[in-house]
């Protein structure tokens, strides 16, 4: 039982290390021909959003709403691609949970 507890503790420590590494990674995404910009970290936390003032008019509300959805999707995809590259290169190693029966 104590062995399992130590394994869980080690797993949490490894997961925290991965989370810290991901927090250091940044991606930038754009939408609507660059009029919307977002910066996101590897943990998918939005760090900044920039909206061109031209889009902030009532007649462009629907376009802006659709653009924000696209912007988030683009940022999310960029983070996933970057993390896959880091995992393939060995820069990020996911914790092994096989010993815990998971």
PDB file of N, CA and C in Angstrom:
ATOM      1  N   UNK A   1       0.813  -1.192   0.000  1.00  0.00           N
ATOM      2  CA  UNK A   1       0.000   0.000   0.000  1.00  0.00           C
ATOM      3  C   UNK A   1       0.860   1.262   0.000  1.00  0.00           C
ATOM      4  N   UNK A   2       1.925   1.265   0.830  1.00  0.00           N
ATOM      5  CA  UNK A   2       2.795   2.430   0.880  1.00  0.00           C
ATOM      6  C   UNK A   2       3.539   2.606  -0.434  1.00  0.00           C
ATOM      7  N   UNK A   3       3.805   1.499  -1.110  1.00  0.00           N
ATOM      8  CA  UNK A   3       4.459   1.572  -2.409  1.00  0.00           C
ATOM      9  C   UNK A   3       3.571   2.307  -3.413  1.00  0.00           C
ATOM     10  N   UNK A   4       2.268   1.997  -3.381  1.00  0.00           N
ATOM     11  CA  UNK A   4       1.315   2.676  -4.279  1.00  0.00           C
ATOM     12  C   UNK A   4       1.247   4.170  -3.958  1.00  0.00           C
ATOM     13  N   UNK A   5       1.245   4.509  -2.661  1.00  0.00           N
ATOM     14  CA  UNK A   5       1.206   5.921  -2.277  1.00  0.00           C
ATOM     15  C   UNK A   5       2.433   6.671  -2.788  1.00  0.00           C
ATOM     16  N   UNK A   6       3.586   6.021  -2.703  1.00  0.00           N
ATOM     17  CA  UNK A   6       4.811   6.643  -3.217  1.00  0.00           C
ATOM     18  C   UNK A   6       4.719   6.802  -4.730  1.00  0.00           C
ATOM     19  N   UNK A   7       4.166   5.804  -5.410  1.00  0.00           N
ATOM     20  CA  UNK A   7       4.003   5.904  -6.858  1.00  0.00           C
ATOM     21  C   UNK A   7       3.069   7.056  -7.229  1.00  0.00           C
ATOM     22  N   UNK A   8       1.980   7.219  -6.486  1.00  0.00           N
ATOM     23  CA  UNK A   8       1.067   8.335  -6.726  1.00  0.00           C
ATOM     24  C   UNK A   8       1.767   9.670  -6.502  1.00  0.00           C
ATOM     25  N   UNK A   9       2.556   9.751  -5.436  1.00  0.00           N
ATOM     26  CA  UNK A   9       3.288  10.982  -5.138  1.00  0.00           C
ATOM     27  C   UNK A   9       4.278  11.290  -6.256  1.00  0.00           C
ATOM     28  N   UNK A  10       4.995  10.272  -6.710  1.00  0.00           N
ATOM     29  CA  UNK A  10       5.941  10.458  -7.810  1.00  0.00           C
ATOM     30  C   UNK A  10       5.223  10.892  -9.078  1.00  0.00           C
ATOM     31  N   UNK A  11       4.073  10.287  -9.326  1.00  0.00           N
ATOM     32  CA  UNK A  11       3.283  10.631 -10.510  1.00  0.00           C
ATOM     33  C   UNK A  11       2.826  12.086 -10.445  1.00  0.00           C
ATOM     34  N   UNK A  12       2.353  12.514  -9.292  1.00  0.00           N
ATOM     35  CA  UNK A  12       1.938  13.921  -9.117  1.00  0.00           C
ATOM     36  C   UNK A  12       3.097  14.863  -9.341  1.00  0.00           C
ATOM     37  N   UNK A  13       4.260  14.482  -8.848  1.00  0.00           N
ATOM     38  CA  UNK A  13       5.458  15.309  -9.019  1.00  0.00           C
ATOM     39  C   UNK A  13       5.826  15.420 -10.497  1.00  0.00           C
ATOM     40  N   UNK A  14       5.773  14.298 -11.209  1.00  0.00           N
ATOM     41  CA  UNK A  14       6.075  14.306 -12.644  1.00  0.00           C
ATOM     42  C   UNK A  14       5.046  15.134 -13.411  1.00  0.00           C
ATOM     43  N   UNK A  15       3.780  14.999 -13.046  1.00  0.00           N
ATOM     44  CA  UNK A  15       2.723  15.751 -13.718  1.00  0.00           C
ATOM     45  C   UNK A  15       2.903  17.248 -13.487  1.00  0.00           C
ATOM     46  N   UNK A  16       3.274  17.633 -12.287  1.00  0.00           N
ATOM     47  CA  UNK A  16       3.515  19.045 -11.981  1.00  0.00           C
ATOM     48  C   UNK A  16       4.688  19.574 -12.799  1.00  0.00           C
ATOM     49  N   UNK A  17       5.712  18.743 -12.955  1.00  0.00           N
ATOM     50  CA  UNK A  17       6.874  19.145 -13.752  1.00  0.00           C
ATOM     51  C   UNK A  17       6.467  19.364 -15.215  1.00  0.00           C
ATOM     52  N   UNK A  18       5.645  18.469 -15.751  1.00  0.00           N
ATOM     53  CA  UNK A  18       5.158  18.619 -17.125  1.00  0.00           C
ATOM     54  C   UNK A  18       4.324  19.891 -17.231  1.00  0.00           C
ATOM     55  N   UNK A  19       3.455  20.120 -16.265  1.00  0.00           N
ATOM     56  CA  UNK A  19       2.611  21.313 -16.269  1.00  0.00           C
ATOM     57  C   UNK A  19       3.461  22.585 -16.251  1.00  0.00           C
ATOM     58  N   UNK A  20       4.508  22.623 -15.453  1.00  0.00           N
ATOM     59  CA  UNK A  20       5.400  23.781 -15.405  1.00  0.00           C
ATOM     60  C   UNK A  20       6.116  23.986 -16.731  1.00  0.00           C
ATOM     61  N   UNK A  21       6.535  22.895 -17.344  1.00  0.00           N
ATOM     62  CA  UNK A  21       7.190  22.983 -18.659  1.00  0.00           C
ATOM     63  C   UNK A  21       6.226  23.537 -19.696  1.00  0.00           C
ATOM     64  N   UNK A  22       4.991  23.058 -19.672  1.00  0.00           N
ATOM     65  CA  UNK A  22       3.995  23.531 -20.629  1.00  0.00           C
ATOM     66  C   UNK A  22       3.675  25.009 -20.424  1.00  0.00           C
ATOM     67  N   UNK A  23       3.691  25.465 -19.187  1.00  0.00           N
ATOM     68  CA  UNK A  23       3.392  26.871 -18.903  1.00  0.00           C
ATOM     69  C   UNK A  23       4.417  27.799 -19.533  1.00  0.00           C
ATOM     70  N   UNK A  24       5.615  27.294 -19.764  1.00  0.00           N
ATOM     71  CA  UNK A  24       6.668  28.106 -20.365  1.00  0.00           C
ATOM     72  C   UNK A  24       6.522  28.237 -21.876  1.00  0.00           C
ATOM     73  N   UNK A  25       5.774  27.339 -22.487  1.00  0.00           N
ATOM     74  CA  UNK A  25       5.581  27.366 -23.935  1.00  0.00           C
ATOM     75  C   UNK A  25       4.502  28.381 -24.303  1.00  0.00           C
ATOM     76  N   UNK A  26       4.722  29.098 -25.383  1.00  0.00           N
ATOM     77  CA  UNK A  26       3.754  30.096 -25.833  1.00  0.00           C
ATOM     78  C   UNK A  26       3.495  29.916 -27.323  1.00  0.00           C
ATOM     79  N   UNK A  27       2.237  30.107 -27.719  1.00  0.00           N
ATOM     80  CA  UNK A  27       1.888  30.118 -29.138  1.00  0.00           C
ATOM     81  C   UNK A  27       1.037  31.360 -29.400  1.00  0.00           C
ATOM     82  N   UNK A  28       1.115  31.843 -30.624  1.00  0.00           N
ATOM     83  CA  UNK A  28       0.265  32.950 -31.032  1.00  0.00           C
ATOM     84  C   UNK A  28      -0.587  32.473 -32.188  1.00  0.00           C
ATOM     85  N   UNK A  29      -1.856  32.829 -32.156  1.00  0.00           N
ATOM     86  CA  UNK A  29      -2.785  32.455 -33.220  1.00  0.00           C
ATOM     87  C   UNK A  29      -3.492  33.710 -33.702  1.00  0.00           C
ATOM     88  N   UNK A  30      -3.935  33.643 -34.951  1.00  0.00           N
ATOM     89  CA  UNK A  30      -4.666  34.766 -35.525  1.00  0.00           C
ATOM     90  C   UNK A  30      -5.929  34.269 -36.211  1.00  0.00           C
ATOM     91  N   UNK A  31      -6.837  35.202 -36.431  1.00  0.00           N
ATOM     92  CA  UNK A  31      -8.053  34.927 -37.189  1.00  0.00           C
ATOM     93  C   UNK A  31      -8.464  36.228 -37.874  1.00  0.00           C
ATOM     94  N   UNK A  32      -9.391  36.117 -38.791  1.00  0.00           N
ATOM     95  CA  UNK A  32      -9.883  37.271 -39.556  1.00  0.00           C
ATOM     96  C   UNK A  32      -8.726  38.083 -40.138  1.00  0.00           C
ATOM     97  N   UNK A  33      -7.868  37.365 -40.854  1.00  0.00           N
ATOM     98  CA  UNK A  33      -6.724  37.993 -41.545  1.00  0.00           C
ATOM     99  C   UNK A  33      -5.828  38.787 -40.603  1.00  0.00           C
ATOM    100  N   UNK A  34      -5.655  38.273 -39.389  1.00  0.00           N
ATOM    101  CA  UNK A  34      -4.756  38.908 -38.432  1.00  0.00           C
ATOM    102  C   UNK A  34      -5.389  40.012 -37.609  1.00  0.00           C
ATOM    103  N   UNK A  35      -6.667  40.267 -37.806  1.00  0.00           N
ATOM    104  CA  UNK A  35      -7.328  41.323 -37.026  1.00  0.00           C
ATOM    105  C   UNK A  35      -7.689  40.860 -35.620  1.00  0.00           C
ATOM    106  N   UNK A  36      -7.651  39.562 -35.382  1.00  0.00           N
ATOM    107  CA  UNK A  36      -7.790  38.986 -34.045  1.00  0.00           C
ATOM    108  C   UNK A  36      -6.519  38.215 -33.743  1.00  0.00           C
ATOM    109  N   UNK A  37      -5.963  38.428 -32.563  1.00  0.00           N
ATOM    110  CA  UNK A  37      -4.744  37.720 -32.160  1.00  0.00           C
ATOM    111  C   UNK A  37      -4.901  37.231 -30.732  1.00  0.00           C
ATOM    112  N   UNK A  38      -4.311  36.063 -30.482  1.00  0.00           N
ATOM    113  CA  UNK A  38      -4.360  35.482 -29.136  1.00  0.00           C
ATOM    114  C   UNK A  38      -3.022  34.825 -28.843  1.00  0.00           C
ATOM    115  N   UNK A  39      -2.578  34.980 -27.610  1.00  0.00           N
ATOM    116  CA  UNK A  39      -1.407  34.252 -27.136  1.00  0.00           C
ATOM    117  C   UNK A  39      -1.888  33.290 -26.064  1.00  0.00           C
ATOM    118  N   UNK A  40      -1.413  32.038 -26.163  1.00  0.00           N
ATOM    119  CA  UNK A  40      -1.836  30.983 -25.254  1.00  0.00           C
ATOM    120  C   UNK A  40      -0.596  30.216 -24.818  1.00  0.00           C
ATOM    121  N   UNK A  41      -0.595  29.751 -23.559  1.00  0.00           N
ATOM    122  CA  UNK A  41       0.527  28.926 -23.113  1.00  0.00           C
ATOM    123  C   UNK A  41       0.226  27.451 -23.351  1.00  0.00           C
ATOM    124  N   UNK A  42       1.191  26.611 -23.049  1.00  0.00           N
ATOM    125  CA  UNK A  42       1.059  25.180 -23.291  1.00  0.00           C
ATOM    126  C   UNK A  42       0.011  24.493 -22.442  1.00  0.00           C
ATOM    127  N   UNK A  43      -0.436  25.138 -21.379  1.00  0.00           N
ATOM    128  CA  UNK A  43      -1.518  24.605 -20.560  1.00  0.00           C
ATOM    129  C   UNK A  43      -2.871  25.094 -21.056  1.00  0.00           C
ATOM    130  N   UNK A  44      -2.879  25.734 -22.208  1.00  0.00           N
ATOM    131  CA  UNK A  44      -4.072  26.264 -22.866  1.00  0.00           C
ATOM    132  C   UNK A  44      -4.708  27.404 -22.080  1.00  0.00           C
ATOM    133  N   UNK A  45      -3.891  28.135 -21.357  1.00  0.00           N
ATOM    134  CA  UNK A  45      -4.349  29.336 -20.664  1.00  0.00           C
ATOM    135  C   UNK A  45      -4.166  30.516 -21.613  1.00  0.00           C
ATOM    136  N   UNK A  46      -5.219  31.294 -21.804  1.00  0.00           N
ATOM    137  CA  UNK A  46      -5.147  32.464 -22.674  1.00  0.00           C
ATOM    138  C   UNK A  46      -4.361  33.546 -21.945  1.00  0.00           C
ATOM    139  N   UNK A  47      -3.288  34.009 -22.588  1.00  0.00           N
ATOM    140  CA  UNK A  47      -2.428  35.020 -21.987  1.00  0.00           C
ATOM    141  C   UNK A  47      -2.782  36.425 -22.453  1.00  0.00           C
ATOM    142  N   UNK A  48      -3.190  36.550 -23.707  1.00  0.00           N
ATOM    143  CA  UNK A  48      -3.578  37.861 -24.220  1.00  0.00           C
ATOM    144  C   UNK A  48      -4.482  37.697 -25.432  1.00  0.00           C
ATOM    145  N   UNK A  49      -5.306  38.714 -25.651  1.00  0.00           N
ATOM    146  CA  UNK A  49      -6.189  38.781 -26.808  1.00  0.00           C
ATOM    147  C   UNK A  49      -6.120  40.208 -27.339  1.00  0.00           C
ATOM    148  N   UNK A  50      -5.983  40.338 -28.650  1.00  0.00           N
ATOM    149  CA  UNK A  50      -5.953  41.648 -29.282  1.00  0.00           C
ATOM    150  C   UNK A  50      -7.013  41.667 -30.374  1.00  0.00           C
ATOM    151  N   UNK A  51      -7.912  42.651 -30.304  1.00  0.00           N
ATOM    152  CA  UNK A  51      -8.992  42.789 -31.274  1.00  0.00           C
ATOM    153  C   UNK A  51      -8.826  44.118 -31.997  1.00  0.00           C
ATOM    154  N   UNK A  52      -8.748  44.064 -33.307  1.00  0.00           N
ATOM    155  CA  UNK A  52      -8.668  45.276 -34.115  1.00  0.00           C
ATOM    156  C   UNK A  52      -9.920  46.114 -33.863  1.00  0.00           C
ATOM    157  N   UNK A  53      -9.732  47.398 -33.631  1.00  0.00           N
ATOM    158  CA  UNK A  53     -10.855  48.282 -33.301  1.00  0.00           C
ATOM    159  C   UNK A  53     -11.930  48.301 -34.386  1.00  0.00           C
ATOM    160  N   UNK A  54     -11.553  48.036 -35.617  1.00  0.00           N
ATOM    161  CA  UNK A  54     -12.512  48.014 -36.717  1.00  0.00           C
ATOM    162  C   UNK A  54     -13.616  46.982 -36.482  1.00  0.00           C
ATOM    163  N   UNK A  55     -13.300  45.933 -35.729  1.00  0.00           N
ATOM    164  CA  UNK A  55     -14.274  44.872 -35.467  1.00  0.00           C
ATOM    165  C   UNK A  55     -15.215  45.180 -34.301  1.00  0.00           C
ATOM    166  N   UNK A  56     -14.994  46.298 -33.641  1.00  0.00           N
ATOM    167  CA  UNK A  56     -15.767  46.616 -32.438  1.00  0.00           C
ATOM    168  C   UNK A  56     -16.964  47.526 -32.738  1.00  0.00           C
ATOM    169  N   UNK A  57     -17.634  47.262 -33.820  1.00  0.00           N
ATOM    170  CA  UNK A  57     -18.834  48.021 -34.166  1.00  0.00           C
ATOM    171  C   UNK A  57     -20.029  47.073 -34.144  1.00  0.00           C
ATOM    172  N   UNK A  58     -21.201  47.590 -33.806  1.00  0.00           N
ATOM    173  CA  UNK A  58     -22.382  46.721 -33.705  1.00  0.00           C
ATOM    174  C   UNK A  58     -22.675  45.920 -34.975  1.00  0.00           C
ATOM    175  N   UNK A  59     -22.394  46.485 -36.136  1.00  0.00           N
ATOM    176  CA  UNK A  59     -22.701  45.770 -37.378  1.00  0.00           C
ATOM    177  C   UNK A  59     -21.737  44.616 -37.647  1.00  0.00           C
ATOM    178  N   UNK A  60     -20.649  44.513 -36.878  1.00  0.00           N
ATOM    179  CA  UNK A  60     -19.677  43.431 -37.062  1.00  0.00           C
ATOM    180  C   UNK A  60     -19.709  42.430 -35.913  1.00  0.00           C
ATOM    181  N   UNK A  61     -20.749  42.495 -35.101  1.00  0.00           N
ATOM    182  CA  UNK A  61     -20.857  41.626 -33.923  1.00  0.00           C
ATOM    183  C   UNK A  61     -20.771  40.146 -34.299  1.00  0.00           C
ATOM    184  N   UNK A  62     -21.567  39.710 -35.268  1.00  0.00           N
ATOM    185  CA  UNK A  62     -21.582  38.295 -35.649  1.00  0.00           C
ATOM    186  C   UNK A  62     -20.235  37.860 -36.223  1.00  0.00           C
ATOM    187  N   UNK A  63     -19.639  38.721 -37.028  1.00  0.00           N
ATOM    188  CA  UNK A  63     -18.316  38.417 -37.599  1.00  0.00           C
ATOM    189  C   UNK A  63     -17.284  38.270 -36.481  1.00  0.00           C
ATOM    190  N   UNK A  64     -17.354  39.148 -35.496  1.00  0.00           N
ATOM    191  CA  UNK A  64     -16.431  39.082 -34.362  1.00  0.00           C
ATOM    192  C   UNK A  64     -16.649  37.805 -33.556  1.00  0.00           C
ATOM    193  N   UNK A  65     -17.891  37.445 -33.302  1.00  0.00           N
ATOM    194  CA  UNK A  65     -18.181  36.222 -32.546  1.00  0.00           C
ATOM    195  C   UNK A  65     -17.630  34.998 -33.269  1.00  0.00           C
ATOM    196  N   UNK A  66     -17.865  34.908 -34.574  1.00  0.00           N
ATOM    197  CA  UNK A  66     -17.338  33.781 -35.343  1.00  0.00           C
ATOM    198  C   UNK A  66     -15.807  33.799 -35.353  1.00  0.00           C
ATOM    199  N   UNK A  67     -15.235  34.996 -35.463  1.00  0.00           N
ATOM    200  CA  UNK A  67     -13.780  35.126 -35.463  1.00  0.00           C
ATOM    201  C   UNK A  67     -13.163  34.686 -34.155  1.00  0.00           C
ATOM    202  N   UNK A  68     -13.816  34.985 -33.045  1.00  0.00           N
ATOM    203  CA  UNK A  68     -13.294  34.573 -31.736  1.00  0.00           C
ATOM    204  C   UNK A  68     -13.302  33.053 -31.616  1.00  0.00           C
ATOM    205  N   UNK A  69     -14.349  32.422 -32.109  1.00  0.00           N
ATOM    206  CA  UNK A  69     -14.382  30.946 -32.097  1.00  0.00           C
ATOM    207  C   UNK A  69     -13.225  30.390 -32.921  1.00  0.00           C
ATOM    208  N   UNK A  70     -13.030  30.943 -34.111  1.00  0.00           N
ATOM    209  CA  UNK A  70     -11.932  30.487 -34.965  1.00  0.00           C
ATOM    210  C   UNK A  70     -10.587  30.749 -34.304  1.00  0.00           C
ATOM    211  N   UNK A  71     -10.456  31.902 -33.671  1.00  0.00           N
ATOM    212  CA  UNK A  71      -9.214  32.270 -33.006  1.00  0.00           C
ATOM    213  C   UNK A  71      -8.866  31.262 -31.914  1.00  0.00           C
ATOM    214  N   UNK A  72      -9.833  30.925 -31.086  1.00  0.00           N
ATOM    215  CA  UNK A  72      -9.582  29.960 -30.015  1.00  0.00           C
ATOM    216  C   UNK A  72      -9.225  28.596 -30.593  1.00  0.00           C
ATOM    217  N   UNK A  73      -9.947  28.163 -31.626  1.00  0.00           N
ATOM    218  CA  UNK A  73      -9.643  26.878 -32.267  1.00  0.00           C
ATOM    219  C   UNK A  73      -8.227  26.876 -32.830  1.00  0.00           C
ATOM    220  N   UNK A  74      -7.833  27.982 -33.470  1.00  0.00           N
ATOM    221  CA  UNK A  74      -6.489  28.082 -34.041  1.00  0.00           C
ATOM    222  C   UNK A  74      -5.420  28.020 -32.953  1.00  0.00           C
ATOM    223  N   UNK A  75      -5.650  28.727 -31.848  1.00  0.00           N
ATOM    224  CA  UNK A  75      -4.687  28.715 -30.742  1.00  0.00           C
ATOM    225  C   UNK A  75      -4.600  27.326 -30.117  1.00  0.00           C
ATOM    226  N   UNK A  76      -5.747  26.695 -29.917  1.00  0.00           N
ATOM    227  CA  UNK A  76      -5.797  25.358 -29.330  1.00  0.00           C
ATOM    228  C   UNK A  76      -5.034  24.364 -30.215  1.00  0.00           C
ATOM    229  N   UNK A  77      -5.251  24.427 -31.516  1.00  0.00           N
ATOM    230  CA  UNK A  77      -4.552  23.538 -32.453  1.00  0.00           C
ATOM    231  C   UNK A  77      -3.054  23.792 -32.441  1.00  0.00           C
ATOM    232  N   UNK A  78      -2.663  25.060 -32.368  1.00  0.00           N
ATOM    233  CA  UNK A  78      -1.234  25.399 -32.340  1.00  0.00           C
ATOM    234  C   UNK A  78      -0.565  24.839 -31.094  1.00  0.00           C
ATOM    235  N   UNK A  79      -1.249  24.912 -29.959  1.00  0.00           N
ATOM    236  CA  UNK A  79      -0.702  24.359 -28.716  1.00  0.00           C
ATOM    237  C   UNK A  79      -0.550  22.844 -28.843  1.00  0.00           C
ATOM    238  N   UNK A  80      -1.577  22.174 -29.367  1.00  0.00           N
ATOM    239  CA  UNK A  80      -1.502  20.723 -29.519  1.00  0.00           C
ATOM    240  C   UNK A  80      -0.354  20.311 -30.435  1.00  0.00           C
ATOM    241  N   UNK A  81      -0.185  21.008 -31.543  1.00  0.00           N
ATOM    242  CA  UNK A  81       0.906  20.686 -32.466  1.00  0.00           C
ATOM    243  C   UNK A  81       2.264  20.880 -31.808  1.00  0.00           C
ATOM    244  N   UNK A  82       2.407  21.992 -31.086  1.00  0.00           N
ATOM    245  CA  UNK A  82       3.683  22.264 -30.433  1.00  0.00           C
ATOM    246  C   UNK A  82       3.993  21.207 -29.379  1.00  0.00           C
ATOM    247  N   UNK A  83       2.989  20.798 -28.616  1.00  0.00           N
ATOM    248  CA  UNK A  83       3.210  19.794 -27.574  1.00  0.00           C
ATOM    249  C   UNK A  83       3.551  18.434 -28.188  1.00  0.00           C
ATOM    250  N   UNK A  84       2.893  18.079 -29.285  1.00  0.00           N
ATOM    251  CA  UNK A  84       3.216  16.813 -29.959  1.00  0.00           C
ATOM    252  C   UNK A  84       4.657  16.824 -30.460  1.00  0.00           C
ATOM    253  N   UNK A  85       5.096  17.955 -31.006  1.00  0.00           N
ATOM    254  CA  UNK A  85       6.484  18.073 -31.463  1.00  0.00           C
ATOM    255  C   UNK A  85       7.444  17.894 -30.292  1.00  0.00           C
ATOM    256  N   UNK A  86       7.120  18.504 -29.160  1.00  0.00           N
ATOM    257  CA  UNK A  86       7.982  18.397 -27.979  1.00  0.00           C
ATOM    258  C   UNK A  86       7.995  16.969 -27.436  1.00  0.00           C
ATOM    259  N   UNK A  87       6.857  16.287 -27.485  1.00  0.00           N
ATOM    260  CA  UNK A  87       6.807  14.907 -27.018  1.00  0.00           C
ATOM    261  C   UNK A  87       7.601  13.998 -27.949  1.00  0.00           C
ATOM    262  N   UNK A  88       7.454  14.201 -29.252  1.00  0.00           N
ATOM    263  CA  UNK A  88       8.202  13.379 -30.219  1.00  0.00           C
ATOM    264  C   UNK A  88       9.705  13.579 -30.106  1.00  0.00           C
ATOM    265  N   UNK A  89      10.117  14.814 -29.812  1.00  0.00           N
ATOM    266  CA  UNK A  89      11.548  15.104 -29.707  1.00  0.00           C
ATOM    267  C   UNK A  89      12.124  14.671 -28.359  1.00  0.00           C
ATOM    268  N   UNK A  90      11.247  14.324 -27.404  1.00  0.00           N
ATOM    269  CA  UNK A  90      11.713  13.901 -26.088  1.00  0.00           C
ATOM    270  C   UNK A  90      11.878  15.045 -25.105  1.00  0.00           C
ATOM    271  N   UNK A  91      11.521  16.270 -25.517  1.00  0.00           N
ATOM    272  CA  UNK A  91      11.637  17.416 -24.612  1.00  0.00           C
ATOM    273  C   UNK A  91      10.608  17.343 -23.486  1.00  0.00           C
ATOM    274  N   UNK A  92       9.469  16.700 -23.764  1.00  0.00           N
ATOM    275  CA  UNK A  92       8.431  16.501 -22.750  1.00  0.00           C
ATOM    276  C   UNK A  92       8.150  15.005 -22.673  1.00  0.00           C
ATOM    277  N   UNK A  93       8.251  14.463 -21.475  1.00  0.00           N
ATOM    278  CA  UNK A  93       7.943  13.048 -21.251  1.00  0.00           C
ATOM    279  C   UNK A  93       6.728  12.956 -20.355  1.00  0.00           C
ATOM    280  N   UNK A  94       5.721  12.266 -20.841  1.00  0.00           N
ATOM    281  CA  UNK A  94       4.516  12.066 -20.037  1.00  0.00           C
ATOM    282  C   UNK A  94       4.797  10.997 -18.974  1.00  0.00           C
ATOM    283  N   UNK A  95       4.243  11.209 -17.775  1.00  0.00           N
ATOM    284  CA  UNK A  95       4.443  10.220 -16.715  1.00  0.00           C
ATOM    285  C   UNK A  95       3.908   8.855 -17.091  1.00  0.00           C
ATOM    286  N   UNK A  96       4.631   7.810 -16.676  1.00  0.00           N
ATOM    287  CA  UNK A  96       4.214   6.422 -16.926  1.00  0.00           C
ATOM    288  C   UNK A  96       3.268   5.990 -15.813  1.00  0.00           C
ATOM    289  N   UNK A  97       2.022   5.714 -16.168  1.00  0.00           N
ATOM    290  CA  UNK A  97       1.021   5.315 -15.169  1.00  0.00           C
ATOM    291  C   UNK A  97       0.751   3.816 -15.190  1.00  0.00           C
ATOM    292  N   UNK A  98       1.505   3.071 -15.969  1.00  0.00           N
ATOM    293  CA  UNK A  98       1.234   1.638 -16.096  1.00  0.00           C
ATOM    294  C   UNK A  98       1.413   0.886 -14.773  1.00  0.00           C
ATOM    295  N   UNK A  99       2.346   1.341 -13.944  1.00  0.00           N
ATOM    296  CA  UNK A  99       2.568   0.647 -12.670  1.00  0.00           C
ATOM    297  C   UNK A  99       1.435   0.862 -11.682  1.00  0.00           C
ATOM    298  N   UNK A 100       0.546   1.824 -11.978  1.00  0.00           N
ATOM    299  CA  UNK A 100      -0.586   2.105 -11.097  1.00  0.00           C
ATOM    300  C   UNK A 100      -1.848   1.376 -11.546  1.00  0.00           C
ATOM    301  N   UNK A 101      -1.736   0.602 -12.615  1.00  0.00           N
ATOM    302  CA  UNK A 101      -2.877  -0.141 -13.118  1.00  0.00           C
ATOM    303  C   UNK A 101      -3.824   0.726 -13.908  1.00  0.00           C
ATOM    304  N   UNK A 102      -3.330   1.828 -14.478  1.00  0.00           N
ATOM    305  CA  UNK A 102      -4.178   2.739 -15.247  1.00  0.00           C
ATOM    306  C   UNK A 102      -3.973   2.548 -16.730  1.00  0.00           C
TER     307      UNK A 102
END
